[in-house]
């Protein structure tokens, strides 16, 4: 199959990783499927050709489970083709609500005292202190505008990109995903305006100045946009 092939509804481009199929999102699914079948069956794959991975770009088209199965079946009929990804710009309302829930900023103005646990989905912005024996947990990042002296667990669902930051960092324990860091026993005091995040190998928690997040986690700009834009 040539590296580039353009048809009325489907554009096929060869990449380093295999083939990408760009699907017209304005025609009916039945017409799209028929044209894809015609394109693929018109090409003969030699026995000695290696397996080719296929990425399907649907654009602004949503496929239900049955339609996705039909699409995969048409591609799989060619023995040398294997579907790697099917990508769509469209998601279900339930998926959008779940994403919103997971990325929401939860603002709390309180003191988390010994024995108390504050657990949120998304990012936690705490205006207050976390006392020794208190615990804050978030599926996203944790930002404490106060003293962090208790336990903080960010990325509780496995998000290794999560960070923990505090105006005054003197925690009993920090956790990011499944990695744990404790304050050294010989450290008498905490540190002002510090943060914790996993290193590039995702093996240990690095403690550094909050300003270091500019390079370590540039995607945190999204957090800033959500604060000021709603």
C-alpha atoms as a PDB file:
ATOM      1  CA  UNK A   1       0.000   0.000   0.000  1.00  0.00           C
ATOM      2  CA  UNK A   2       1.376   3.409  -0.882  1.00  0.00           C
ATOM      3  CA  UNK A   3       2.427   5.782   1.885  1.00  0.00           C
ATOM      4  CA  UNK A   4      -0.322   8.244   0.989  1.00  0.00           C
ATOM      5  CA  UNK A   5      -3.712   7.402  -0.499  1.00  0.00           C
ATOM      6  CA  UNK A   6      -6.639   9.808  -0.668  1.00  0.00           C
ATOM      7  CA  UNK A   7     -10.244   8.838  -1.351  1.00  0.00           C
ATOM      8  CA  UNK A   8     -13.527  10.630  -1.062  1.00  0.00           C
ATOM      9  CA  UNK A   9     -14.051   9.723   2.578  1.00  0.00           C
ATOM     10  CA  UNK A  10     -10.806   8.192   3.809  1.00  0.00           C
ATOM     11  CA  UNK A  11      -7.203   9.400   3.815  1.00  0.00           C
ATOM     12  CA  UNK A  12      -4.461   6.883   4.546  1.00  0.00           C
ATOM     13  CA  UNK A  13      -1.000   7.998   5.544  1.00  0.00           C
ATOM     14  CA  UNK A  14       2.027   5.890   6.244  1.00  0.00           C
ATOM     15  CA  UNK A  15       3.969   6.726   9.405  1.00  0.00           C
ATOM     16  CA  UNK A  16       7.010   5.358  11.168  1.00  0.00           C
ATOM     17  CA  UNK A  17       4.696   3.308  13.394  1.00  0.00           C
ATOM     18  CA  UNK A  18       2.419   1.955  10.658  1.00  0.00           C
ATOM     19  CA  UNK A  19      -0.691   3.411   9.019  1.00  0.00           C
ATOM     20  CA  UNK A  20      -3.051   6.180  10.103  1.00  0.00           C
ATOM     21  CA  UNK A  21      -6.571   6.219   8.675  1.00  0.00           C
ATOM     22  CA  UNK A  22      -8.293   9.628   8.731  1.00  0.00           C
ATOM     23  CA  UNK A  23     -12.057   9.117   8.463  1.00  0.00           C
ATOM     24  CA  UNK A  24     -14.551  11.642   7.091  1.00  0.00           C
ATOM     25  CA  UNK A  25     -16.897  12.495   9.983  1.00  0.00           C
ATOM     26  CA  UNK A  26     -19.726  13.901   7.838  1.00  0.00           C
ATOM     27  CA  UNK A  27     -20.822  10.819   5.868  1.00  0.00           C
ATOM     28  CA  UNK A  28     -22.820   7.843   7.119  1.00  0.00           C
ATOM     29  CA  UNK A  29     -21.010   5.086   8.979  1.00  0.00           C
ATOM     30  CA  UNK A  30     -22.257   2.497   6.467  1.00  0.00           C
ATOM     31  CA  UNK A  31     -20.710   4.373   3.512  1.00  0.00           C
ATOM     32  CA  UNK A  32     -17.487   4.845   5.439  1.00  0.00           C
ATOM     33  CA  UNK A  33     -17.275   1.162   6.267  1.00  0.00           C
ATOM     34  CA  UNK A  34     -17.940   0.131   2.659  1.00  0.00           C
ATOM     35  CA  UNK A  35     -15.238   2.430   1.293  1.00  0.00           C
ATOM     36  CA  UNK A  36     -12.751   1.166   3.877  1.00  0.00           C
ATOM     37  CA  UNK A  37     -13.542  -2.423   2.896  1.00  0.00           C
ATOM     38  CA  UNK A  38     -13.041  -1.599  -0.800  1.00  0.00           C
ATOM     39  CA  UNK A  39      -9.711   0.111  -0.148  1.00  0.00           C
ATOM     40  CA  UNK A  40      -8.261  -2.661   1.973  1.00  0.00           C
ATOM     41  CA  UNK A  41      -9.439  -5.565  -0.180  1.00  0.00           C
ATOM     42  CA  UNK A  42      -7.952  -3.926  -3.282  1.00  0.00           C
ATOM     43  CA  UNK A  43      -4.462  -4.263  -1.837  1.00  0.00           C
ATOM     44  CA  UNK A  44      -2.578  -7.552  -1.625  1.00  0.00           C
ATOM     45  CA  UNK A  45      -0.272  -8.032   1.352  1.00  0.00           C
ATOM     46  CA  UNK A  46       2.652 -10.336   0.667  1.00  0.00           C
ATOM     47  CA  UNK A  47       3.254 -13.203   3.046  1.00  0.00           C
ATOM     48  CA  UNK A  48       6.696 -11.927   3.979  1.00  0.00           C
ATOM     49  CA  UNK A  49       5.458  -8.426   4.895  1.00  0.00           C
ATOM     50  CA  UNK A  50       5.656  -7.607   8.623  1.00  0.00           C
ATOM     51  CA  UNK A  51       2.545  -6.839  10.661  1.00  0.00           C
ATOM     52  CA  UNK A  52       1.325  -3.268  10.216  1.00  0.00           C
ATOM     53  CA  UNK A  53      -0.281  -1.365  13.108  1.00  0.00           C
ATOM     54  CA  UNK A  54      -3.230   0.853  12.250  1.00  0.00           C
ATOM     55  CA  UNK A  55      -4.396   3.999  14.029  1.00  0.00           C
ATOM     56  CA  UNK A  56      -7.897   5.204  13.155  1.00  0.00           C
ATOM     57  CA  UNK A  57      -8.698   8.926  13.502  1.00  0.00           C
ATOM     58  CA  UNK A  58     -12.497   9.392  13.576  1.00  0.00           C
ATOM     59  CA  UNK A  59     -12.561  13.182  13.915  1.00  0.00           C
ATOM     60  CA  UNK A  60     -15.903  14.428  15.288  1.00  0.00           C
ATOM     61  CA  UNK A  61     -17.566  11.032  15.021  1.00  0.00           C
ATOM     62  CA  UNK A  62     -18.660   8.786  17.880  1.00  0.00           C
ATOM     63  CA  UNK A  63     -18.890   5.013  17.489  1.00  0.00           C
ATOM     64  CA  UNK A  64     -20.914   2.768  19.740  1.00  0.00           C
ATOM     65  CA  UNK A  65     -19.573  -0.628  20.745  1.00  0.00           C
ATOM     66  CA  UNK A  66     -21.135  -2.488  17.823  1.00  0.00           C
ATOM     67  CA  UNK A  67     -19.855   0.014  15.249  1.00  0.00           C
ATOM     68  CA  UNK A  68     -16.352  -0.118  16.691  1.00  0.00           C
ATOM     69  CA  UNK A  69     -16.416  -3.913  16.482  1.00  0.00           C
ATOM     70  CA  UNK A  70     -17.488  -3.701  12.825  1.00  0.00           C
ATOM     71  CA  UNK A  71     -14.679  -1.269  12.060  1.00  0.00           C
ATOM     72  CA  UNK A  72     -12.093  -3.476  13.744  1.00  0.00           C
ATOM     73  CA  UNK A  73     -13.406  -6.535  11.905  1.00  0.00           C
ATOM     74  CA  UNK A  74     -13.005  -4.902   8.470  1.00  0.00           C
ATOM     75  CA  UNK A  75      -9.400  -3.998   9.273  1.00  0.00           C
ATOM     76  CA  UNK A  76      -8.587  -7.345  10.879  1.00  0.00           C
ATOM     77  CA  UNK A  77      -9.710  -9.248   7.774  1.00  0.00           C
ATOM     78  CA  UNK A  78      -6.407  -8.174   6.276  1.00  0.00           C
ATOM     79  CA  UNK A  79      -4.006 -10.594   7.953  1.00  0.00           C
ATOM     80  CA  UNK A  80      -1.148  -8.116   8.026  1.00  0.00           C
ATOM     81  CA  UNK A  81      -3.120  -5.333   9.735  1.00  0.00           C
ATOM     82  CA  UNK A  82      -3.708  -4.944  13.468  1.00  0.00           C
ATOM     83  CA  UNK A  83      -5.704  -2.115  15.073  1.00  0.00           C
ATOM     84  CA  UNK A  84      -3.595  -0.172  17.570  1.00  0.00           C
ATOM     85  CA  UNK A  85      -5.834   2.824  18.384  1.00  0.00           C
ATOM     86  CA  UNK A  86      -9.249   4.244  17.523  1.00  0.00           C
ATOM     87  CA  UNK A  87      -9.304   7.945  18.385  1.00  0.00           C
ATOM     88  CA  UNK A  88     -12.332  10.247  18.454  1.00  0.00           C
ATOM     89  CA  UNK A  89     -12.775  13.892  19.405  1.00  0.00           C
ATOM     90  CA  UNK A  90     -16.199  13.008  20.827  1.00  0.00           C
ATOM     91  CA  UNK A  91     -16.860  11.515  24.266  1.00  0.00           C
ATOM     92  CA  UNK A  92     -20.057  10.564  26.049  1.00  0.00           C
ATOM     93  CA  UNK A  93     -21.639  12.975  28.512  1.00  0.00           C
ATOM     94  CA  UNK A  94     -20.941  10.527  31.343  1.00  0.00           C
ATOM     95  CA  UNK A  95     -17.252  10.401  30.357  1.00  0.00           C
ATOM     96  CA  UNK A  96     -17.122  14.200  30.192  1.00  0.00           C
ATOM     97  CA  UNK A  97     -18.651  14.466  33.661  1.00  0.00           C
ATOM     98  CA  UNK A  98     -16.151  11.933  35.002  1.00  0.00           C
ATOM     99  CA  UNK A  99     -13.290  13.929  33.478  1.00  0.00           C
ATOM    100  CA  UNK A 100     -14.666  17.139  35.001  1.00  0.00           C
ATOM    101  CA  UNK A 101     -14.912  15.417  38.374  1.00  0.00           C
ATOM    102  CA  UNK A 102     -11.330  14.181  38.168  1.00  0.00           C
ATOM    103  CA  UNK A 103      -9.902  17.578  37.126  1.00  0.00           C
ATOM    104  CA  UNK A 104     -12.024  19.843  39.332  1.00  0.00           C
ATOM    105  CA  UNK A 105     -10.287  22.116  41.834  1.00  0.00           C
ATOM    106  CA  UNK A 106     -11.678  21.524  45.310  1.00  0.00           C
ATOM    107  CA  UNK A 107     -11.214  24.597  47.500  1.00  0.00           C
ATOM    108  CA  UNK A 108     -11.399  24.065  51.264  1.00  0.00           C
ATOM    109  CA  UNK A 109     -10.888  26.757  53.866  1.00  0.00           C
ATOM    110  CA  UNK A 110     -10.252  24.871  57.100  1.00  0.00           C
ATOM    111  CA  UNK A 111      -7.729  23.278  59.427  1.00  0.00           C
ATOM    112  CA  UNK A 112      -7.311  19.519  59.117  1.00  0.00           C
ATOM    113  CA  UNK A 113      -6.724  18.462  62.710  1.00  0.00           C
ATOM    114  CA  UNK A 114      -5.236  15.291  64.188  1.00  0.00           C
ATOM    115  CA  UNK A 115      -7.383  12.277  63.311  1.00  0.00           C
ATOM    116  CA  UNK A 116      -9.234  14.082  60.510  1.00  0.00           C
ATOM    117  CA  UNK A 117      -9.047  13.032  56.846  1.00  0.00           C
ATOM    118  CA  UNK A 118      -9.906  15.293  53.900  1.00  0.00           C
ATOM    119  CA  UNK A 119     -10.341  13.253  50.699  1.00  0.00           C
ATOM    120  CA  UNK A 120     -11.236  14.827  47.330  1.00  0.00           C
ATOM    121  CA  UNK A 121     -11.428  13.893  43.657  1.00  0.00           C
ATOM    122  CA  UNK A 122      -9.369  16.211  41.466  1.00  0.00           C
ATOM    123  CA  UNK A 123      -6.969  18.865  42.773  1.00  0.00           C
ATOM    124  CA  UNK A 124      -7.102  20.047  46.378  1.00  0.00           C
ATOM    125  CA  UNK A 125      -6.480  23.692  47.245  1.00  0.00           C
ATOM    126  CA  UNK A 126      -6.476  23.926  51.022  1.00  0.00           C
ATOM    127  CA  UNK A 127      -6.436  27.379  52.600  1.00  0.00           C
ATOM    128  CA  UNK A 128      -5.389  26.334  56.070  1.00  0.00           C
ATOM    129  CA  UNK A 129      -3.096  23.953  57.923  1.00  0.00           C
ATOM    130  CA  UNK A 130      -2.723  20.199  58.070  1.00  0.00           C
ATOM    131  CA  UNK A 131      -1.824  19.487  61.685  1.00  0.00           C
ATOM    132  CA  UNK A 132       0.280  16.500  62.823  1.00  0.00           C
ATOM    133  CA  UNK A 133      -1.963  13.439  62.657  1.00  0.00           C
ATOM    134  CA  UNK A 134      -4.203  15.043  60.016  1.00  0.00           C
ATOM    135  CA  UNK A 135      -4.361  13.680  56.474  1.00  0.00           C
ATOM    136  CA  UNK A 136      -5.243  15.123  53.064  1.00  0.00           C
ATOM    137  CA  UNK A 137      -5.821  12.909  50.033  1.00  0.00           C
ATOM    138  CA  UNK A 138      -6.489  13.839  46.401  1.00  0.00           C
ATOM    139  CA  UNK A 139      -6.646  12.047  43.072  1.00  0.00           C
ATOM    140  CA  UNK A 140      -4.838  15.045  41.590  1.00  0.00           C
ATOM    141  CA  UNK A 141      -2.458  17.638  43.040  1.00  0.00           C
ATOM    142  CA  UNK A 142      -2.398  18.996  46.588  1.00  0.00           C
ATOM    143  CA  UNK A 143      -1.702  22.670  47.311  1.00  0.00           C
ATOM    144  CA  UNK A 144      -1.677  23.745  50.961  1.00  0.00           C
ATOM    145  CA  UNK A 145      -1.764  27.480  51.594  1.00  0.00           C
ATOM    146  CA  UNK A 146      -0.558  26.992  55.132  1.00  0.00           C
ATOM    147  CA  UNK A 147       1.464  24.559  57.221  1.00  0.00           C
ATOM    148  CA  UNK A 148       1.670  20.956  56.079  1.00  0.00           C
ATOM    149  CA  UNK A 149       2.657  19.005  59.191  1.00  0.00           C
ATOM    150  CA  UNK A 150       0.554  15.884  58.751  1.00  0.00           C
ATOM    151  CA  UNK A 151       0.187  13.419  55.883  1.00  0.00           C
ATOM    152  CA  UNK A 152      -0.478  14.314  52.242  1.00  0.00           C
ATOM    153  CA  UNK A 153      -1.247  11.755  49.530  1.00  0.00           C
ATOM    154  CA  UNK A 154      -1.557  13.092  45.975  1.00  0.00           C
ATOM    155  CA  UNK A 155      -2.348  11.047  42.877  1.00  0.00           C
ATOM    156  CA  UNK A 156      -4.058   8.466  45.067  1.00  0.00           C
ATOM    157  CA  UNK A 157      -5.492   6.624  42.042  1.00  0.00           C
ATOM    158  CA  UNK A 158      -2.050   6.184  40.482  1.00  0.00           C
ATOM    159  CA  UNK A 159      -1.372   9.632  38.963  1.00  0.00           C
ATOM    160  CA  UNK A 160       2.431   9.817  39.041  1.00  0.00           C
ATOM    161  CA  UNK A 161       2.385  13.356  37.590  1.00  0.00           C
ATOM    162  CA  UNK A 162       0.731  14.739  40.748  1.00  0.00           C
ATOM    163  CA  UNK A 163       2.566  17.190  42.990  1.00  0.00           C
ATOM    164  CA  UNK A 164       2.310  18.355  46.594  1.00  0.00           C
ATOM    165  CA  UNK A 165       3.118  21.951  47.515  1.00  0.00           C
ATOM    166  CA  UNK A 166       2.804  23.916  50.735  1.00  0.00           C
ATOM    167  CA  UNK A 167       3.569  27.332  52.142  1.00  0.00           C
ATOM    168  CA  UNK A 168       5.400  25.561  54.968  1.00  0.00           C
ATOM    169  CA  UNK A 169       6.480  21.957  54.371  1.00  0.00           C
ATOM    170  CA  UNK A 170       7.111  19.847  57.472  1.00  0.00           C
ATOM    171  CA  UNK A 171       5.063  16.684  56.817  1.00  0.00           C
ATOM    172  CA  UNK A 172       4.919  13.456  58.756  1.00  0.00           C
ATOM    173  CA  UNK A 173       4.663  11.712  55.397  1.00  0.00           C
ATOM    174  CA  UNK A 174       4.265  12.490  51.709  1.00  0.00           C
ATOM    175  CA  UNK A 175       2.817  10.049  49.187  1.00  0.00           C
ATOM    176  CA  UNK A 176       2.485  10.393  45.425  1.00  0.00           C
ATOM    177  CA  UNK A 177       0.726   7.467  43.736  1.00  0.00           C
ATOM    178  CA  UNK A 178       2.356   4.480  45.482  1.00  0.00           C
ATOM    179  CA  UNK A 179       5.648   6.179  46.398  1.00  0.00           C
ATOM    180  CA  UNK A 180       6.303   7.333  49.973  1.00  0.00           C
ATOM    181  CA  UNK A 181       8.656   9.947  51.428  1.00  0.00           C
ATOM    182  CA  UNK A 182       9.108  10.838  55.081  1.00  0.00           C
ATOM    183  CA  UNK A 183      10.770  13.833  56.688  1.00  0.00           C
ATOM    184  CA  UNK A 184      14.296  13.065  57.915  1.00  0.00           C
ATOM    185  CA  UNK A 185      14.420  12.395  61.651  1.00  0.00           C
ATOM    186  CA  UNK A 186      17.260  14.886  62.104  1.00  0.00           C
ATOM    187  CA  UNK A 187      15.416  17.741  60.430  1.00  0.00           C
ATOM    188  CA  UNK A 188      14.344  20.179  63.132  1.00  0.00           C
ATOM    189  CA  UNK A 189      12.192  22.492  61.088  1.00  0.00           C
ATOM    190  CA  UNK A 190      10.267  22.619  57.866  1.00  0.00           C
ATOM    191  CA  UNK A 191      10.889  24.508  54.674  1.00  0.00           C
ATOM    192  CA  UNK A 192       8.945  27.467  53.325  1.00  0.00           C
ATOM    193  CA  UNK A 193       7.371  27.314  49.845  1.00  0.00           C
ATOM    194  CA  UNK A 194       8.494  23.808  48.940  1.00  0.00           C
ATOM    195  CA  UNK A 195       6.969  21.040  46.848  1.00  0.00           C
ATOM    196  CA  UNK A 196       7.309  17.325  46.233  1.00  0.00           C
ATOM    197  CA  UNK A 197       7.037  15.412  42.940  1.00  0.00           C
ATOM    198  CA  UNK A 198       8.272  12.146  41.466  1.00  0.00           C
ATOM    199  CA  UNK A 199      11.574  12.137  39.590  1.00  0.00           C
ATOM    200  CA  UNK A 200      11.833  11.330  35.870  1.00  0.00           C
ATOM    201  CA  UNK A 201      12.188   7.610  36.597  1.00  0.00           C
ATOM    202  CA  UNK A 202       9.049   7.707  38.806  1.00  0.00           C
ATOM    203  CA  UNK A 203      11.023   6.003  41.580  1.00  0.00           C
ATOM    204  CA  UNK A 204      11.302   8.546  44.403  1.00  0.00           C
ATOM    205  CA  UNK A 205       9.837  11.818  45.597  1.00  0.00           C
ATOM    206  CA  UNK A 206      11.979  14.883  44.979  1.00  0.00           C
ATOM    207  CA  UNK A 207      11.722  17.857  47.341  1.00  0.00           C
ATOM    208  CA  UNK A 208      12.459  21.263  45.836  1.00  0.00           C
ATOM    209  CA  UNK A 209      11.396  24.894  45.727  1.00  0.00           C
ATOM    210  CA  UNK A 210       7.923  25.548  44.329  1.00  0.00           C
ATOM    211  CA  UNK A 211       9.512  27.554  41.499  1.00  0.00           C
ATOM    212  CA  UNK A 212      11.060  24.299  40.205  1.00  0.00           C
ATOM    213  CA  UNK A 213       7.604  23.142  39.084  1.00  0.00           C
ATOM    214  CA  UNK A 214       7.892  25.457  36.081  1.00  0.00           C
ATOM    215  CA  UNK A 215      10.300  22.968  34.512  1.00  0.00           C
ATOM    216  CA  UNK A 216       9.312  19.750  36.274  1.00  0.00           C
ATOM    217  CA  UNK A 217       5.557  20.013  35.627  1.00  0.00           C
ATOM    218  CA  UNK A 218       4.831  22.579  32.867  1.00  0.00           C
ATOM    219  CA  UNK A 219       1.342  21.100  32.462  1.00  0.00           C
ATOM    220  CA  UNK A 220       0.369  22.710  35.761  1.00  0.00           C
ATOM    221  CA  UNK A 221      -0.457  25.778  33.666  1.00  0.00           C
ATOM    222  CA  UNK A 222      -3.800  24.062  33.172  1.00  0.00           C
ATOM    223  CA  UNK A 223      -4.395  24.417  36.922  1.00  0.00           C
ATOM    224  CA  UNK A 224      -3.785  28.146  36.632  1.00  0.00           C
ATOM    225  CA  UNK A 225      -6.221  28.462  33.733  1.00  0.00           C
ATOM    226  CA  UNK A 226      -8.962  26.614  35.640  1.00  0.00           C
ATOM    227  CA  UNK A 227      -8.559  28.961  38.632  1.00  0.00           C
ATOM    228  CA  UNK A 228      -8.935  32.149  36.635  1.00  0.00           C
ATOM    229  CA  UNK A 229     -11.346  30.957  33.960  1.00  0.00           C
ATOM    230  CA  UNK A 230     -13.811  29.140  36.078  1.00  0.00           C
END
